[in-house]
Amino acid sequence: MDEFQPIGTNMNIGITCYPTYGGSGVVATELGQYLARLGHTVHFISSALPMRLMELGEKVFFHEVEVMNYPLFDYIPYDLALTTKMVEVARLRKLDLLHVHYAIPHSISGYLAREIVKPQRLPVVTTLHGTDITLVGRDHSFLPVTQFGIQQSDGVTAVSHFLKKATLSEFCGVCDIQVIPNFVDTTKVRRFFSEEIRERFAPNGERILVHLSNFRPVKRVSDVIKIFHRVQKQIPAVLLMIGDGPERSNAQYLVSQMGISNRVFFVGMLGMVESHLSVCDLMLLPSETESFGLAALEAMACEVPVVASDVGGLPELVEEGKSGYLRPLGDVEAMAQAALRILEDSNLGTFRKEARRRAVEEYSSAKVIPKYEAYYREVIERHG
């Protein structure tokens, strides 16, 4: 674990996140585990064990939200079940603070729990990861409830300056939002070369490109395939597709239609991605939007440069011409040319070094976790 010291006395913290494969759940889980190692007590409150929650123990607890079937309801009221569990944990475990990831529905459930447990104090911190904003962009019927959840939170953080600006524009022009970026443990998420894994996918020394996501439409997985199709025409290369989701079948069909099935490997969801990222040479992330781009950061920590869309928070993470390249959304030809430039023997080593440097110097857990600790204490003292 990255080395840093706890600030002040230990806290009793509740964390709610989506347990599925995605950046917000990864960040919430890693954050909770780090806080526990620093001596804080952490209670995860979720519908299932978060994917990267590897161990429970003296300082880490999991409280499952049990959703019962009621004949009266066509749809199970998860938000109310979550509120009930938050109240139970807050009262029994005497929580100092509740940290929820995503405004919908978690900030609303947190608000209700805070009001129910009064006069016990339970300040609620909401971290925005991005889908909160894009959901409203697609369906404005969510605007009032999302706006309320953000405004009623005792503290709000966003994972990038881009997301903060979008939130202020869309929801609350005067909200106090703290930017705390995503992070990785750069002592753990690093390049450790495995000849066995490399040989499995590239037995003849091919370059290995990689894409990592939850395969939602916003990730533009078809663009990944199209970029790779152009690259492999110029140099020997293979592509690893890490993750799973609704666009996987379409991607597999496109791969088949292009006649490159023997060069593209769908490896599914991996608990610890660094083992496979460590054998890769370049990440492709042509997303429609990324509030931060945690997959890109994990790749960079493993010395894997990135070619990505010039959108969202990605320009804050990827240094143009150093740790990778940013190209206009949907311009698969430009992205393919950028990929080929990085993959040249004379360039790859420099890009690798810069990608790792960027991750360590700006986004390591040692840099970011103390910001959450300090912010928790600020919110607790403000509402104490």
Protein backbone atom coordinates (compact mmCIF):
# COMPACT_ATOMS: atom_id res chain seq x y z
CA MET A 1 0.00 0.00 0.00
CA ASP A 2 1.18 3.55 -0.68
CA GLU A 3 2.62 4.98 2.52
CA PHE A 4 0.88 7.85 4.31
CA GLN A 5 -0.29 8.60 7.84
CA PRO A 6 -3.83 9.03 9.14
CA ILE A 7 -4.99 12.51 10.09
CA GLY A 8 -6.36 12.91 13.64
CA THR A 9 -8.57 10.43 15.49
CA ASN A 10 -10.19 7.42 13.84
CA MET A 11 -13.64 7.70 12.30
CA ASN A 12 -16.59 5.35 11.90
CA ILE A 13 -17.59 5.62 8.22
CA GLY A 14 -20.43 4.18 6.16
CA ILE A 15 -19.86 3.77 2.41
CA THR A 16 -22.55 3.02 -0.18
CA CYS A 17 -21.73 2.22 -3.80
CA TYR A 18 -22.91 0.12 -6.70
CA PRO A 19 -21.25 -3.30 -6.39
CA THR A 20 -21.06 -3.90 -10.14
CA TYR A 21 -18.11 -3.71 -12.53
CA GLY A 22 -17.38 -0.01 -12.95
CA GLY A 23 -15.12 2.81 -11.84
CA SER A 24 -17.28 4.18 -9.03
CA GLY A 25 -17.50 0.83 -7.24
CA VAL A 26 -13.75 0.30 -7.63
CA VAL A 27 -12.93 3.71 -6.18
CA ALA A 28 -15.39 3.37 -3.29
CA THR A 29 -14.08 -0.07 -2.39
CA GLU A 30 -10.41 0.87 -2.59
CA LEU A 31 -11.09 4.01 -0.57
CA GLY A 32 -12.81 2.05 2.19
CA GLN A 33 -10.06 -0.54 2.38
CA TYR A 34 -7.37 2.14 2.62
CA LEU A 35 -9.25 3.98 5.33
CA ALA A 36 -9.50 0.74 7.29
CA ARG A 37 -5.75 0.19 7.06
CA LEU A 38 -5.31 3.66 8.50
CA GLY A 39 -7.34 2.63 11.55
CA HIS A 40 -10.78 3.91 10.60
CA THR A 41 -13.76 1.56 10.80
CA VAL A 42 -15.60 1.18 7.50
CA HIS A 43 -19.08 -0.20 6.89
CA PHE A 44 -20.00 -0.99 3.27
CA ILE A 45 -23.76 -0.79 2.74
CA SER A 46 -24.80 -2.21 -0.63
CA SER A 47 -27.01 -4.74 -2.39
CA ALA A 48 -24.08 -7.13 -2.86
CA LEU A 49 -20.44 -7.43 -1.90
CA PRO A 50 -18.52 -4.88 -3.99
CA MET A 51 -16.48 -6.63 -6.66
CA ARG A 52 -13.07 -5.54 -5.41
CA LEU A 53 -13.80 -5.94 -1.72
CA MET A 54 -11.33 -8.76 -1.19
CA GLU A 55 -11.43 -9.10 2.58
CA LEU A 56 -13.54 -8.26 5.60
CA GLY A 57 -12.08 -7.99 9.05
CA GLU A 58 -11.78 -6.09 12.28
CA LYS A 59 -12.10 -2.72 10.54
CA VAL A 60 -14.10 -3.61 7.40
CA PHE A 61 -17.74 -4.73 7.53
CA PHE A 62 -20.35 -5.45 4.89
CA HIS A 63 -24.08 -4.86 5.41
CA GLU A 64 -26.30 -6.29 2.68
CA VAL A 65 -29.38 -4.37 1.64
CA GLU A 66 -32.15 -6.95 1.68
CA VAL A 67 -34.91 -6.21 -0.78
CA MET A 68 -38.06 -8.21 -0.06
CA ASN A 69 -40.74 -9.00 -2.63
CA TYR A 70 -44.06 -7.29 -2.00
CA PRO A 71 -47.10 -8.42 -4.05
CA LEU A 72 -48.30 -4.82 -4.11
CA PHE A 73 -45.25 -3.53 -6.02
CA ASP A 74 -44.38 -4.22 -9.64
CA TYR A 75 -40.90 -2.84 -8.92
CA ILE A 76 -39.01 -3.49 -5.70
CA PRO A 77 -38.37 -0.20 -3.81
CA TYR A 78 -34.58 -0.54 -3.46
CA ASP A 79 -34.06 3.07 -2.38
CA LEU A 80 -36.30 2.57 0.66
CA ALA A 81 -34.64 -0.73 1.54
CA LEU A 82 -31.28 1.02 1.30
CA THR A 83 -32.51 3.82 3.58
CA THR A 84 -33.67 1.26 6.13
CA LYS A 85 -30.26 -0.45 6.16
CA MET A 86 -28.45 2.90 6.41
CA VAL A 87 -30.56 3.81 9.45
CA GLU A 88 -29.92 0.43 11.06
CA VAL A 89 -26.15 0.63 10.58
CA ALA A 90 -25.95 4.30 11.61
CA ARG A 91 -27.74 3.62 14.88
CA LEU A 92 -26.11 0.32 15.81
CA ARG A 93 -22.58 1.23 14.70
CA LYS A 94 -22.78 4.93 15.62
CA LEU A 95 -21.54 6.18 12.26
CA ASP A 96 -19.72 9.51 12.17
CA LEU A 97 -20.40 10.02 8.47
CA LEU A 98 -22.08 8.40 5.48
CA HIS A 99 -20.29 8.57 2.12
CA VAL A 100 -22.46 7.70 -0.88
CA HIS A 101 -21.24 7.26 -4.44
CA TYR A 102 -23.71 8.49 -7.08
CA ALA A 103 -26.56 10.88 -6.48
CA ILE A 104 -29.26 8.49 -7.75
CA PRO A 105 -30.59 6.94 -5.59
CA HIS A 106 -27.86 6.90 -2.96
CA SER A 107 -27.86 10.58 -1.95
CA ILE A 108 -31.65 10.50 -1.57
CA SER A 109 -31.46 7.41 0.63
CA GLY A 110 -28.68 9.05 2.61
CA TYR A 111 -30.76 12.19 3.10
CA LEU A 112 -33.72 10.16 4.35
CA ALA A 113 -31.49 8.16 6.70
CA ARG A 114 -29.96 11.36 8.09
CA GLU A 115 -33.40 12.78 8.83
CA ILE A 116 -34.68 9.56 10.39
CA VAL A 117 -31.78 9.11 12.84
CA LYS A 118 -32.04 12.65 14.28
CA PRO A 119 -31.03 13.81 16.86
CA GLN A 120 -28.04 11.58 16.07
CA ARG A 121 -25.81 13.46 13.64
CA LEU A 122 -25.15 11.71 10.35
CA PRO A 123 -23.56 14.06 7.78
CA VAL A 124 -23.82 12.75 4.21
CA VAL A 125 -21.06 13.19 1.61
CA THR A 126 -22.03 12.50 -2.02
CA THR A 127 -19.38 11.74 -4.63
CA LEU A 128 -20.43 12.36 -8.22
CA HIS A 129 -18.91 10.01 -10.79
CA GLY A 130 -20.64 11.21 -13.95
CA THR A 131 -23.62 9.04 -14.79
CA ASP A 132 -25.54 11.24 -12.36
CA ILE A 133 -25.13 14.03 -14.92
CA THR A 134 -25.55 12.05 -18.15
CA LEU A 135 -28.69 10.33 -16.86
CA VAL A 136 -30.35 13.70 -16.46
CA GLY A 137 -29.07 14.67 -19.89
CA ARG A 138 -31.05 11.78 -21.35
CA ASP A 139 -34.12 12.13 -19.15
CA HIS A 140 -34.84 15.49 -17.51
CA SER A 141 -37.54 13.97 -15.34
CA PHE A 142 -34.66 13.01 -13.03
CA LEU A 143 -33.53 16.64 -12.68
CA PRO A 144 -35.52 17.64 -9.57
CA VAL A 145 -34.64 14.57 -7.52
CA THR A 146 -30.97 14.63 -8.53
CA GLN A 147 -30.76 18.34 -7.81
CA PHE A 148 -32.37 17.81 -4.41
CA GLY A 149 -29.99 14.98 -3.52
CA ILE A 150 -26.94 17.08 -4.35
CA GLN A 151 -28.18 20.22 -2.61
CA GLN A 152 -29.20 18.36 0.54
CA SER A 153 -25.85 16.60 0.90
CA ASP A 154 -23.60 17.95 3.65
CA GLY A 155 -20.61 17.63 1.35
CA VAL A 156 -20.21 16.99 -2.37
CA THR A 157 -17.15 15.83 -4.28
CA ALA A 158 -16.56 15.32 -8.00
CA VAL A 159 -13.87 13.20 -9.60
CA SER A 160 -12.76 15.87 -12.09
CA HIS A 161 -12.95 19.60 -12.76
CA PHE A 162 -14.96 18.77 -15.87
CA LEU A 163 -17.61 17.03 -13.77
CA LYS A 164 -17.68 19.85 -11.23
CA LYS A 165 -18.28 22.39 -13.99
CA ALA A 166 -21.01 20.24 -15.55
CA THR A 167 -22.72 19.78 -12.19
CA LEU A 168 -22.68 23.49 -11.41
CA SER A 169 -24.13 24.22 -14.83
CA GLU A 170 -26.81 21.52 -14.74
CA PHE A 171 -27.86 21.39 -11.10
CA CYS A 172 -26.73 24.10 -8.74
CA GLY A 173 -24.77 27.16 -9.71
CA VAL A 174 -23.74 27.92 -6.12
CA CYS A 175 -23.04 24.42 -4.75
CA ASP A 176 -19.76 23.93 -2.90
CA ILE A 177 -18.13 21.00 -4.72
CA GLN A 178 -14.70 19.67 -3.82
CA VAL A 179 -12.71 18.05 -6.66
CA ILE A 180 -11.01 14.87 -5.44
CA PRO A 181 -9.78 12.74 -8.34
CA ASN A 182 -9.82 8.99 -8.66
CA PHE A 183 -6.68 7.18 -7.58
CA VAL A 184 -4.75 3.91 -7.66
CA ASP A 185 -2.36 2.22 -5.27
CA THR A 186 0.73 2.61 -7.44
CA THR A 187 2.69 0.15 -5.30
CA LYS A 188 0.17 -2.55 -6.22
CA VAL A 189 -1.11 -1.41 -9.60
CA ARG A 190 2.18 -1.48 -11.49
CA ARG A 191 3.84 -3.31 -14.32
CA PHE A 192 4.98 -6.80 -13.36
CA PHE A 193 5.69 -8.68 -16.54
CA SER A 194 4.33 -12.23 -16.96
CA GLU A 195 5.88 -14.19 -19.79
CA GLU A 196 3.13 -16.81 -19.46
CA ILE A 197 0.31 -14.27 -19.97
CA ARG A 198 2.15 -12.50 -22.76
CA GLU A 199 2.79 -15.78 -24.60
CA ARG A 200 -0.86 -16.75 -24.24
CA PHE A 201 -2.01 -13.81 -26.35
CA ALA A 202 1.05 -12.77 -28.36
CA PRO A 203 3.24 -15.83 -28.94
CA ASN A 204 5.01 -14.21 -31.91
CA GLY A 205 5.89 -10.92 -30.26
CA GLU A 206 2.85 -8.98 -31.46
CA ARG A 207 1.98 -5.63 -29.90
CA ILE A 208 -0.88 -6.00 -27.40
CA LEU A 209 -3.60 -3.35 -27.35
CA VAL A 210 -6.24 -3.37 -24.62
CA HIS A 211 -9.68 -1.98 -23.82
CA LEU A 212 -11.15 -2.11 -20.31
CA SER A 213 -14.74 -1.12 -19.54
CA ASN A 214 -18.25 -2.24 -18.64
CA PHE A 215 -19.11 -2.39 -22.37
CA ARG A 216 -21.94 0.13 -22.16
CA PRO A 217 -22.85 2.06 -25.34
CA VAL A 218 -21.09 5.18 -24.02
CA LYS A 219 -17.78 3.30 -24.21
CA ARG A 220 -18.11 3.01 -28.02
CA VAL A 221 -16.72 -0.51 -28.13
CA SER A 222 -17.27 -0.69 -31.88
CA ASP A 223 -14.79 2.18 -32.27
CA VAL A 224 -12.24 0.14 -30.33
CA ILE A 225 -12.61 -2.67 -32.88
CA LYS A 226 -12.39 -0.27 -35.83
CA ILE A 227 -9.25 1.39 -34.48
CA PHE A 228 -7.60 -1.96 -33.88
CA HIS A 229 -8.61 -3.19 -37.33
CA ARG A 230 -6.62 -0.33 -38.85
CA VAL A 231 -3.62 -0.83 -36.55
CA GLN A 232 -3.27 -4.56 -37.18
CA LYS A 233 -3.12 -3.92 -40.92
CA GLN A 234 0.12 -1.98 -40.34
CA ILE A 235 1.85 -3.96 -37.59
CA PRO A 236 1.46 -7.42 -35.99
CA ALA A 237 -0.94 -6.85 -33.10
CA VAL A 238 -3.64 -8.40 -30.93
CA LEU A 239 -6.40 -6.85 -28.82
CA LEU A 240 -7.52 -7.76 -25.30
CA MET A 241 -11.10 -6.82 -24.41
CA ILE A 242 -11.36 -6.80 -20.61
CA GLY A 243 -14.82 -6.48 -19.05
CA ASP A 244 -18.36 -7.35 -19.99
CA GLY A 245 -21.67 -5.69 -20.65
CA PRO A 246 -24.48 -5.05 -23.13
CA GLU A 247 -22.26 -4.24 -26.13
CA ARG A 248 -20.15 -7.38 -25.93
CA SER A 249 -22.22 -9.44 -28.38
CA ASN A 250 -22.24 -6.60 -30.93
CA ALA A 251 -18.49 -6.27 -30.59
CA GLN A 252 -17.96 -9.98 -31.10
CA TYR A 253 -20.15 -9.88 -34.21
CA LEU A 254 -18.18 -6.94 -35.62
CA VAL A 255 -14.90 -8.75 -34.96
CA SER A 256 -16.24 -11.77 -36.83
CA GLN A 257 -17.44 -9.64 -39.76
CA MET A 258 -14.02 -8.00 -40.04
CA GLY A 259 -12.27 -11.37 -40.06
CA ILE A 260 -10.05 -10.67 -37.04
CA SER A 261 -11.47 -13.16 -34.54
CA ASN A 262 -8.06 -14.79 -34.18
CA ARG A 263 -6.56 -11.45 -33.08
CA VAL A 264 -9.18 -10.25 -30.57
CA PHE A 265 -9.57 -11.89 -27.15
CA PHE A 266 -12.62 -11.27 -24.94
CA VAL A 267 -11.30 -12.20 -21.51
CA GLY A 268 -14.33 -11.11 -19.45
CA MET A 269 -14.27 -9.43 -16.05
CA LEU A 270 -11.10 -9.66 -13.98
CA GLY A 271 -10.88 -8.97 -10.27
CA MET A 272 -7.30 -7.69 -10.45
CA VAL A 273 -6.67 -6.17 -13.85
CA GLU A 274 -2.99 -5.30 -13.38
CA SER A 275 -1.87 -8.84 -14.22
CA HIS A 276 -3.17 -8.42 -17.78
CA LEU A 277 -2.51 -4.70 -18.15
CA SER A 278 1.13 -5.40 -17.35
CA VAL A 279 1.66 -7.27 -20.62
CA CYS A 280 -0.06 -4.65 -22.77
CA ASP A 281 1.49 -1.91 -24.89
CA LEU A 282 -1.39 0.52 -25.42
CA MET A 283 -4.90 1.20 -24.14
CA LEU A 284 -7.76 2.35 -26.40
CA LEU A 285 -10.51 4.41 -24.74
CA PRO A 286 -12.61 6.12 -27.46
CA SER A 287 -15.53 6.83 -25.10
CA GLU A 288 -18.38 9.21 -25.82
CA THR A 289 -17.71 10.73 -22.42
CA GLU A 290 -15.58 9.98 -19.36
CA SER A 291 -15.94 11.99 -16.20
CA PHE A 292 -12.46 10.84 -15.19
CA GLY A 293 -11.25 7.65 -16.89
CA LEU A 294 -10.20 5.23 -14.13
CA ALA A 295 -9.41 2.50 -16.66
CA ALA A 296 -6.91 4.85 -18.29
CA LEU A 297 -5.31 5.61 -14.93
CA GLU A 298 -4.95 1.91 -14.09
CA ALA A 299 -3.30 1.36 -17.46
CA MET A 300 -0.93 4.28 -16.97
CA ALA A 301 0.09 2.95 -13.55
CA CYS A 302 1.08 -0.26 -15.37
CA GLU A 303 3.19 1.75 -17.85
CA VAL A 304 0.58 1.50 -20.59
CA PRO A 305 0.05 4.74 -22.57
CA VAL A 306 -3.46 5.70 -23.71
CA VAL A 307 -5.17 6.81 -26.91
CA ALA A 308 -8.54 8.28 -26.00
CA SER A 309 -11.31 10.64 -27.04
CA ASP A 310 -10.70 14.27 -26.24
CA VAL A 311 -13.75 14.46 -23.99
CA GLY A 312 -14.81 14.95 -20.38
CA GLY A 313 -12.14 14.58 -17.74
CA LEU A 314 -9.68 12.70 -19.94
CA PRO A 315 -7.67 15.83 -20.86
CA GLU A 316 -7.04 16.31 -17.11
CA LEU A 317 -5.54 12.83 -16.89
CA VAL A 318 -3.78 12.08 -20.19
CA GLU A 319 -0.95 14.45 -21.10
CA GLU A 320 -1.01 14.97 -24.85
CA GLY A 321 2.13 13.65 -26.48
CA LYS A 322 3.55 12.37 -23.18
CA SER A 323 1.37 9.69 -21.56
CA GLY A 324 -0.73 9.28 -24.69
CA TYR A 325 -2.80 11.09 -27.29
CA LEU A 326 -6.29 12.60 -27.33
CA ARG A 327 -8.22 12.69 -30.58
CA PRO A 328 -11.70 13.97 -31.56
CA LEU A 329 -14.65 11.80 -30.60
CA GLY A 330 -15.42 9.23 -33.30
CA ASP A 331 -12.27 9.89 -35.36
CA VAL A 332 -11.11 6.27 -35.52
CA GLU A 333 -8.58 7.00 -38.27
CA ALA A 334 -6.84 9.68 -36.20
CA MET A 335 -6.83 7.39 -33.16
CA ALA A 336 -5.35 4.55 -35.21
CA GLN A 337 -2.57 6.83 -36.46
CA ALA A 338 -1.88 8.02 -32.91
CA ALA A 339 -1.71 4.40 -31.75
CA LEU A 340 0.78 3.51 -34.46
CA ARG A 341 2.97 6.46 -33.50
CA ILE A 342 3.13 5.33 -29.86
CA LEU A 343 3.79 1.71 -30.81
CA GLU A 344 6.93 2.54 -32.79
CA ASP A 345 10.00 1.02 -31.12
CA SER A 346 11.67 4.42 -30.75
CA ASN A 347 8.65 5.95 -28.93
CA LEU A 348 7.09 3.25 -26.78
CA GLY A 349 9.64 3.31 -23.96
CA THR A 350 9.28 7.07 -23.45
CA PHE A 351 5.49 6.90 -23.43
CA ARG A 352 5.61 4.05 -20.90
CA LYS A 353 7.82 6.04 -18.55
CA GLU A 354 5.67 9.17 -18.80
CA ALA A 355 2.45 7.23 -18.20
CA ARG A 356 3.82 5.73 -15.00
CA ARG A 357 5.25 9.05 -13.82
CA ARG A 358 1.90 10.77 -14.29
CA ALA A 359 0.06 8.10 -12.29
CA VAL A 360 2.55 8.13 -9.41
CA GLU A 361 3.03 11.87 -9.09
CA GLU A 362 -0.59 12.98 -9.40
CA TYR A 363 -2.99 10.09 -8.78
CA SER A 364 -1.45 7.69 -6.28
CA SER A 365 -3.44 6.77 -3.20
CA ALA A 366 -0.79 8.53 -1.08
CA LYS A 367 -1.72 11.79 -2.82
CA VAL A 368 -5.50 11.41 -2.83
CA ILE A 369 -6.64 9.51 0.28
CA PRO A 370 -5.56 12.29 2.68
CA LYS A 371 -7.84 14.66 0.74
CA TYR A 372 -10.84 12.45 1.56
CA GLU A 373 -9.76 12.15 5.20
CA ALA A 374 -9.43 15.90 5.55
CA TYR A 375 -12.74 16.52 3.79
CA TYR A 376 -14.57 14.04 6.04
CA ARG A 377 -13.30 15.88 9.12
CA GLU A 378 -14.25 19.25 7.66
CA VAL A 379 -17.81 18.06 7.01
CA ILE A 380 -18.12 16.42 10.45
CA GLU A 381 -16.88 19.56 12.21
CA ARG A 382 -19.11 21.81 10.12
CA HIS A 383 -22.21 19.79 11.06
CA GLY A 384 -21.12 18.74 14.52
